[in-house]
Amino acid sequence: LALESARLREANARQQMLVAEKQPRW
């Protein structure tokens, strides 16, 4: 459960970074 939670947090953090990179600069 701890490993799965860590994996999900990491995936969530990557997803947020991708969303943040795709947002227009303005």
PDB file of all heavy atoms in Angstrom:
ATOM      1  N   LEU A   1       0.828  -1.204   0.000  1.00  0.00           N
ATOM      2  CA  LEU A   1       0.000   0.000   0.000  1.00  0.00           C
ATOM      3  C   LEU A   1       0.866   1.260   0.000  1.00  0.00           C
ATOM      4  O   LEU A   1       0.597   2.217  -0.729  1.00  0.00           O
ATOM      5  CB  LEU A   1      -0.932  -0.014   1.221  1.00  0.00           C
ATOM      6  CG  LEU A   1      -1.909   1.148   1.337  1.00  0.00           C
ATOM      7  CD1 LEU A   1      -2.868   1.177   0.152  1.00  0.00           C
ATOM      8  CD2 LEU A   1      -2.686   1.054   2.638  1.00  0.00           C
ATOM      9  N   ALA A   2       1.926   1.244   0.806  1.00  0.00           N
ATOM     10  CA  ALA A   2       2.832   2.399   0.857  1.00  0.00           C
ATOM     11  C   ALA A   2       3.509   2.607  -0.493  1.00  0.00           C
ATOM     12  O   ALA A   2       3.633   3.749  -0.970  1.00  0.00           O
ATOM     13  CB  ALA A   2       3.868   2.193   1.959  1.00  0.00           C
ATOM     14  N   LEU A   3       3.970   1.514  -1.136  1.00  0.00           N
ATOM     15  CA  LEU A   3       4.605   1.621  -2.461  1.00  0.00           C
ATOM     16  C   LEU A   3       3.618   2.131  -3.497  1.00  0.00           C
ATOM     17  O   LEU A   3       3.956   2.989  -4.333  1.00  0.00           O
ATOM     18  CB  LEU A   3       5.172   0.264  -2.882  1.00  0.00           C
ATOM     19  CG  LEU A   3       6.406  -0.225  -2.126  1.00  0.00           C
ATOM     20  CD1 LEU A   3       6.732  -1.666  -2.503  1.00  0.00           C
ATOM     21  CD2 LEU A   3       7.596   0.685  -2.410  1.00  0.00           C
ATOM     22  N   GLU A   4       2.388   1.613  -3.444  1.00  0.00           N
ATOM     23  CA  GLU A   4       1.364   2.047  -4.413  1.00  0.00           C
ATOM     24  C   GLU A   4       1.017   3.515  -4.201  1.00  0.00           C
ATOM     25  O   GLU A   4       0.862   4.269  -5.159  1.00  0.00           O
ATOM     26  CB  GLU A   4       0.118   1.164  -4.270  1.00  0.00           C
ATOM     27  CG  GLU A   4      -0.966   1.449  -5.271  1.00  0.00           C
ATOM     28  CD  GLU A   4      -0.553   1.188  -6.716  1.00  0.00           C
ATOM     29  OE1 GLU A   4       0.427   0.471  -6.974  1.00  0.00           O
ATOM     30  OE2 GLU A   4      -1.224   1.735  -7.615  1.00  0.00           O
ATOM     31  N   SER A   5       0.940   3.926  -2.924  1.00  0.00           N
ATOM     32  CA  SER A   5       0.649   5.342  -2.626  1.00  0.00           C
ATOM     33  C   SER A   5       1.771   6.234  -3.139  1.00  0.00           C
ATOM     34  O   SER A   5       1.513   7.295  -3.724  1.00  0.00           O
ATOM     35  CB  SER A   5       0.483   5.544  -1.117  1.00  0.00           C
ATOM     36  OG  SER A   5      -0.658   4.868  -0.665  1.00  0.00           O
ATOM     37  N   ALA A   6       3.017   5.810  -2.944  1.00  0.00           N
ATOM     38  CA  ALA A   6       4.163   6.586  -3.420  1.00  0.00           C
ATOM     39  C   ALA A   6       4.147   6.666  -4.941  1.00  0.00           C
ATOM     40  O   ALA A   6       4.404   7.727  -5.523  1.00  0.00           O
ATOM     41  CB  ALA A   6       5.464   5.952  -2.932  1.00  0.00           C
ATOM     42  N   ARG A   7       3.844   5.546  -5.605  1.00  0.00           N
ATOM     43  CA  ARG A   7       3.765   5.535  -7.060  1.00  0.00           C
ATOM     44  C   ARG A   7       2.674   6.475  -7.563  1.00  0.00           C
ATOM     45  O   ARG A   7       2.874   7.241  -8.512  1.00  0.00           O
ATOM     46  CB  ARG A   7       3.497   4.109  -7.542  1.00  0.00           C
ATOM     47  CG  ARG A   7       3.657   3.944  -9.051  1.00  0.00           C
ATOM     48  CD  ARG A   7       3.194   2.592  -9.525  1.00  0.00           C
ATOM     49  NE  ARG A   7       1.773   2.361  -9.356  1.00  0.00           N
ATOM     50  CZ  ARG A   7       0.819   2.922 -10.093  1.00  0.00           C
ATOM     51  NH1 ARG A   7       1.127   3.775 -11.048  1.00  0.00           N
ATOM     52  NH2 ARG A   7      -0.444   2.659  -9.883  1.00  0.00           N
ATOM     53  N   LEU A   8       1.517   6.455  -6.898  1.00  0.00           N
ATOM     54  CA  LEU A   8       0.412   7.338  -7.310  1.00  0.00           C
ATOM     55  C   LEU A   8       0.770   8.809  -7.087  1.00  0.00           C
ATOM     56  O   LEU A   8       0.441   9.665  -7.913  1.00  0.00           O
ATOM     57  CB  LEU A   8      -0.872   6.987  -6.541  1.00  0.00           C
ATOM     58  CG  LEU A   8      -1.550   5.688  -6.967  1.00  0.00           C
ATOM     59  CD1 LEU A   8      -2.701   5.355  -6.035  1.00  0.00           C
ATOM     60  CD2 LEU A   8      -2.055   5.793  -8.406  1.00  0.00           C
ATOM     61  N   ARG A   9       1.438   9.131  -5.975  1.00  0.00           N
ATOM     62  CA  ARG A   9       1.855  10.519  -5.726  1.00  0.00           C
ATOM     63  C   ARG A   9       2.834  10.990  -6.805  1.00  0.00           C
ATOM     64  O   ARG A   9       2.757  12.106  -7.292  1.00  0.00           O
ATOM     65  CB  ARG A   9       2.491  10.642  -4.329  1.00  0.00           C
ATOM     66  CG  ARG A   9       1.494  10.728  -3.195  1.00  0.00           C
ATOM     67  CD  ARG A   9       2.149  11.172  -1.891  1.00  0.00           C
ATOM     68  NE  ARG A   9       3.245  10.313  -1.477  1.00  0.00           N
ATOM     69  CZ  ARG A   9       3.105   9.206  -0.752  1.00  0.00           C
ATOM     70  NH1 ARG A   9       1.919   8.817  -0.370  1.00  0.00           N
ATOM     71  NH2 ARG A   9       4.158   8.486  -0.423  1.00  0.00           N
ATOM     72  N   GLU A  10       3.763  10.087  -7.149  1.00  0.00           N
ATOM     73  CA  GLU A  10       4.747  10.423  -8.180  1.00  0.00           C
ATOM     74  C   GLU A  10       4.052  10.637  -9.533  1.00  0.00           C
ATOM     75  O   GLU A  10       4.362  11.600 -10.252  1.00  0.00           O
ATOM     76  CB  GLU A  10       5.775   9.291  -8.286  1.00  0.00           C
ATOM     77  CG  GLU A  10       6.952   9.613  -9.175  1.00  0.00           C
ATOM     78  CD  GLU A  10       7.955   8.473  -9.209  1.00  0.00           C
ATOM     79  OE1 GLU A  10       8.289   7.948  -8.130  1.00  0.00           O
ATOM     80  OE2 GLU A  10       8.383   8.111 -10.317  1.00  0.00           O
ATOM     81  N   ALA A  11       3.125   9.761  -9.886  1.00  0.00           N
ATOM     82  CA  ALA A  11       2.391   9.900 -11.153  1.00  0.00           C
ATOM     83  C   ALA A  11       1.581  11.183 -11.152  1.00  0.00           C
ATOM     84  O   ALA A  11       1.505  11.893 -12.169  1.00  0.00           O
ATOM     85  CB  ALA A  11       1.483   8.685 -11.372  1.00  0.00           C
ATOM     86  N   ASN A  12       0.972  11.504 -10.015  1.00  0.00           N
ATOM     87  CA  ASN A  12       0.178  12.719  -9.895  1.00  0.00           C
ATOM     88  C   ASN A  12       1.069  13.955 -10.048  1.00  0.00           C
ATOM     89  O   ASN A  12       0.704  14.931 -10.713  1.00  0.00           O
ATOM     90  CB  ASN A  12      -0.549  12.729  -8.546  1.00  0.00           C
ATOM     91  CG  ASN A  12      -1.592  13.812  -8.466  1.00  0.00           C
ATOM     92  OD1 ASN A  12      -2.142  14.230  -9.473  1.00  0.00           O
ATOM     93  ND2 ASN A  12      -1.851  14.285  -7.262  1.00  0.00           N
ATOM     94  N   ALA A  13       2.245  13.906  -9.448  1.00  0.00           N
ATOM     95  CA  ALA A  13       3.178  15.039  -9.550  1.00  0.00           C
ATOM     96  C   ALA A  13       3.627  15.222 -11.003  1.00  0.00           C
ATOM     97  O   ALA A  13       3.712  16.354 -11.503  1.00  0.00           O
ATOM     98  CB  ALA A  13       4.383  14.805  -8.640  1.00  0.00           C
ATOM     99  N   ARG A  14       3.907  14.113 -11.719  1.00  0.00           N
ATOM    100  CA  ARG A  14       4.288  14.199 -13.135  1.00  0.00           C
ATOM    101  C   ARG A  14       3.159  14.794 -13.967  1.00  0.00           C
ATOM    102  O   ARG A  14       3.386  15.614 -14.853  1.00  0.00           O
ATOM    103  CB  ARG A  14       4.634  12.799 -13.673  1.00  0.00           C
ATOM    104  CG  ARG A  14       6.077  12.473 -13.528  1.00  0.00           C
ATOM    105  CD  ARG A  14       6.470  11.245 -14.351  1.00  0.00           C
ATOM    106  NE  ARG A  14       7.187  10.354 -13.475  1.00  0.00           N
ATOM    107  CZ  ARG A  14       6.843   9.132 -13.131  1.00  0.00           C
ATOM    108  NH1 ARG A  14       5.784   8.586 -13.653  1.00  0.00           N
ATOM    109  NH2 ARG A  14       7.558   8.434 -12.307  1.00  0.00           N
ATOM    110  N   GLN A  15       1.942  14.346 -13.680  1.00  0.00           N
ATOM    111  CA  GLN A  15       0.774  14.839 -14.413  1.00  0.00           C
ATOM    112  C   GLN A  15       0.622  16.341 -14.209  1.00  0.00           C
ATOM    113  O   GLN A  15       0.351  17.077 -15.171  1.00  0.00           O
ATOM    114  CB  GLN A  15      -0.486  14.099 -13.920  1.00  0.00           C
ATOM    115  CG  GLN A  15      -1.734  14.443 -14.674  1.00  0.00           C
ATOM    116  CD  GLN A  15      -1.697  13.947 -16.102  1.00  0.00           C
ATOM    117  OE1 GLN A  15      -1.024  12.984 -16.432  1.00  0.00           O
ATOM    118  NE2 GLN A  15      -2.389  14.636 -16.977  1.00  0.00           N
ATOM    119  N   GLN A  16       0.813  16.797 -12.992  1.00  0.00           N
ATOM    120  CA  GLN A  16       0.699  18.232 -12.710  1.00  0.00           C
ATOM    121  C   GLN A  16       1.798  19.013 -13.427  1.00  0.00           C
ATOM    122  O   GLN A  16       1.572  20.124 -13.915  1.00  0.00           O
ATOM    123  CB  GLN A  16       0.760  18.482 -11.197  1.00  0.00           C
ATOM    124  CG  GLN A  16      -0.503  18.071 -10.476  1.00  0.00           C
ATOM    125  CD  GLN A  16      -0.411  18.267  -8.975  1.00  0.00           C
ATOM    126  OE1 GLN A  16       0.648  18.626  -8.456  1.00  0.00           O
ATOM    127  NE2 GLN A  16      -1.521  18.043  -8.293  1.00  0.00           N
ATOM    128  N   MET A  17       3.003  18.419 -13.499  1.00  0.00           N
ATOM    129  CA  MET A  17       4.091  19.098 -14.204  1.00  0.00           C
ATOM    130  C   MET A  17       3.773  19.198 -15.701  1.00  0.00           C
ATOM    131  O   MET A  17       4.025  20.233 -16.324  1.00  0.00           O
ATOM    132  CB  MET A  17       5.414  18.355 -13.980  1.00  0.00           C
ATOM    133  CG  MET A  17       5.989  18.618 -12.611  1.00  0.00           C
ATOM    134  SD  MET A  17       7.504  17.727 -12.158  1.00  0.00           S
ATOM    135  CE  MET A  17       8.369  17.456 -13.620  1.00  0.00           C
ATOM    136  N   LEU A  18       3.221  18.132 -16.288  1.00  0.00           N
ATOM    137  CA  LEU A  18       2.859  18.177 -17.710  1.00  0.00           C
ATOM    138  C   LEU A  18       1.786  19.212 -17.979  1.00  0.00           C
ATOM    139  O   LEU A  18       1.849  19.952 -18.968  1.00  0.00           O
ATOM    140  CB  LEU A  18       2.375  16.795 -18.170  1.00  0.00           C
ATOM    141  CG  LEU A  18       3.436  15.726 -18.348  1.00  0.00           C
ATOM    142  CD1 LEU A  18       2.794  14.374 -18.646  1.00  0.00           C
ATOM    143  CD2 LEU A  18       4.388  16.116 -19.480  1.00  0.00           C
ATOM    144  N   VAL A  19       0.804  19.260 -17.111  1.00  0.00           N
ATOM    145  CA  VAL A  19      -0.268  20.250 -17.271  1.00  0.00           C
ATOM    146  C   VAL A  19       0.318  21.653 -17.161  1.00  0.00           C
ATOM    147  O   VAL A  19      -0.006  22.551 -17.947  1.00  0.00           O
ATOM    148  CB  VAL A  19      -1.384  20.020 -16.221  1.00  0.00           C
ATOM    149  CG1 VAL A  19      -2.342  21.209 -16.153  1.00  0.00           C
ATOM    150  CG2 VAL A  19      -2.127  18.736 -16.515  1.00  0.00           C
ATOM    151  N   ALA A  20       1.209  21.824 -16.205  1.00  0.00           N
ATOM    152  CA  ALA A  20       1.816  23.149 -15.998  1.00  0.00           C
ATOM    153  C   ALA A  20       2.644  23.545 -17.210  1.00  0.00           C
ATOM    154  O   ALA A  20       2.654  24.721 -17.608  1.00  0.00           O
ATOM    155  CB  ALA A  20       2.680  23.134 -14.740  1.00  0.00           C
ATOM    156  N   GLU A  21       3.358  22.599 -17.857  1.00  0.00           N
ATOM    157  CA  GLU A  21       4.169  22.920 -19.029  1.00  0.00           C
ATOM    158  C   GLU A  21       3.311  23.279 -20.237  1.00  0.00           C
ATOM    159  O   GLU A  21       3.709  24.066 -21.083  1.00  0.00           O
ATOM    160  CB  GLU A  21       5.053  21.724 -19.389  1.00  0.00           C
ATOM    161  CG  GLU A  21       6.221  21.531 -18.455  1.00  0.00           C
ATOM    162  CD  GLU A  21       7.021  20.277 -18.789  1.00  0.00           C
ATOM    163  OE1 GLU A  21       6.728  19.612 -19.795  1.00  0.00           O
ATOM    164  OE2 GLU A  21       7.929  19.966 -18.009  1.00  0.00           O
ATOM    165  N   LYS A  22       2.136  22.713 -20.337  1.00  0.00           N
ATOM    166  CA  LYS A  22       1.272  22.965 -21.493  1.00  0.00           C
ATOM    167  C   LYS A  22       0.465  24.252 -21.371  1.00  0.00           C
ATOM    168  O   LYS A  22      -0.121  24.700 -22.347  1.00  0.00           O
ATOM    169  CB  LYS A  22       0.319  21.785 -21.692  1.00  0.00           C
ATOM    170  CG  LYS A  22       1.053  20.545 -22.162  1.00  0.00           C
ATOM    171  CD  LYS A  22       0.095  19.415 -22.412  1.00  0.00           C
ATOM    172  CE  LYS A  22       0.854  18.205 -22.906  1.00  0.00           C
ATOM    173  NZ  LYS A  22       0.030  17.071 -23.132  1.00  0.00           N
ATOM    174  N   GLN A  23       0.415  24.799 -20.178  1.00  0.00           N
ATOM    175  CA  GLN A  23      -0.352  26.036 -20.013  1.00  0.00           C
ATOM    176  C   GLN A  23       0.355  27.169 -20.760  1.00  0.00           C
ATOM    177  O   GLN A  23       1.580  27.250 -20.774  1.00  0.00           O
ATOM    178  CB  GLN A  23      -0.448  26.414 -18.536  1.00  0.00           C
ATOM    179  CG  GLN A  23      -1.426  25.585 -17.760  1.00  0.00           C
ATOM    180  CD  GLN A  23      -1.474  26.025 -16.304  1.00  0.00           C
ATOM    181  OE1 GLN A  23      -0.585  26.725 -15.830  1.00  0.00           O
ATOM    182  NE2 GLN A  23      -2.519  25.611 -15.621  1.00  0.00           N
ATOM    183  N   PRO A  24      -0.401  28.041 -21.426  1.00  0.00           N
ATOM    184  CA  PRO A  24       0.235  29.183 -22.088  1.00  0.00           C
ATOM    185  C   PRO A  24       0.955  30.070 -21.068  1.00  0.00           C
ATOM    186  O   PRO A  24       0.566  30.167 -19.923  1.00  0.00           O
ATOM    187  CB  PRO A  24      -0.927  29.942 -22.724  1.00  0.00           C
ATOM    188  CG  PRO A  24      -2.103  29.014 -22.648  1.00  0.00           C
ATOM    189  CD  PRO A  24      -1.819  28.006 -21.607  1.00  0.00           C
ATOM    190  N   ARG A  25       2.008  30.701 -21.588  1.00  0.00           N
ATOM    191  CA  ARG A  25       2.811  31.538 -20.707  1.00  0.00           C
ATOM    192  C   ARG A  25       2.007  32.660 -20.093  1.00  0.00           C
ATOM    193  O   ARG A  25       2.221  33.028 -18.952  1.00  0.00           O
ATOM    194  CB  ARG A  25       3.989  32.135 -21.482  1.00  0.00           C
ATOM    195  CG  ARG A  25       5.040  31.122 -21.771  1.00  0.00           C
ATOM    196  CD  ARG A  25       6.210  31.812 -22.480  1.00  0.00           C
ATOM    197  NE  ARG A  25       7.167  30.851 -22.928  1.00  0.00           N
ATOM    198  CZ  ARG A  25       8.182  30.466 -22.204  1.00  0.00           C
ATOM    199  NH1 ARG A  25       8.388  30.994 -21.052  1.00  0.00           N
ATOM    200  NH2 ARG A  25       9.011  29.568 -22.655  1.00  0.00           N
ATOM    201  N   TRP A  26       1.126  33.207 -20.900  1.00  0.00           N
ATOM    202  CA  TRP A  26       0.378  34.370 -20.394  1.00  0.00           C
ATOM    203  C   TRP A  26      -0.510  33.988 -19.211  1.00  0.00           C
ATOM    204  O   TRP A  26      -0.805  34.806 -18.359  1.00  0.00           O
ATOM    205  CB  TRP A  26      -0.442  35.014 -21.511  1.00  0.00           C
ATOM    206  CG  TRP A  26      -1.498  34.131 -22.123  1.00  0.00           C
ATOM    207  CD1 TRP A  26      -1.378  33.327 -23.177  1.00  0.00           C
ATOM    208  CD2 TRP A  26      -2.832  33.996 -21.658  1.00  0.00           C
ATOM    209  NE1 TRP A  26      -2.534  32.682 -23.449  1.00  0.00           N
ATOM    210  CE2 TRP A  26      -3.473  33.080 -22.493  1.00  0.00           C
ATOM    211  CE3 TRP A  26      -3.576  34.563 -20.605  1.00  0.00           C
ATOM    212  CZ2 TRP A  26      -4.784  32.709 -22.331  1.00  0.00           C
ATOM    213  CZ3 TRP A  26      -4.892  34.189 -20.485  1.00  0.00           C
ATOM    214  CH2 TRP A  26      -5.474  33.261 -21.331  1.00  0.00           C
TER     215      TRP A  26
END
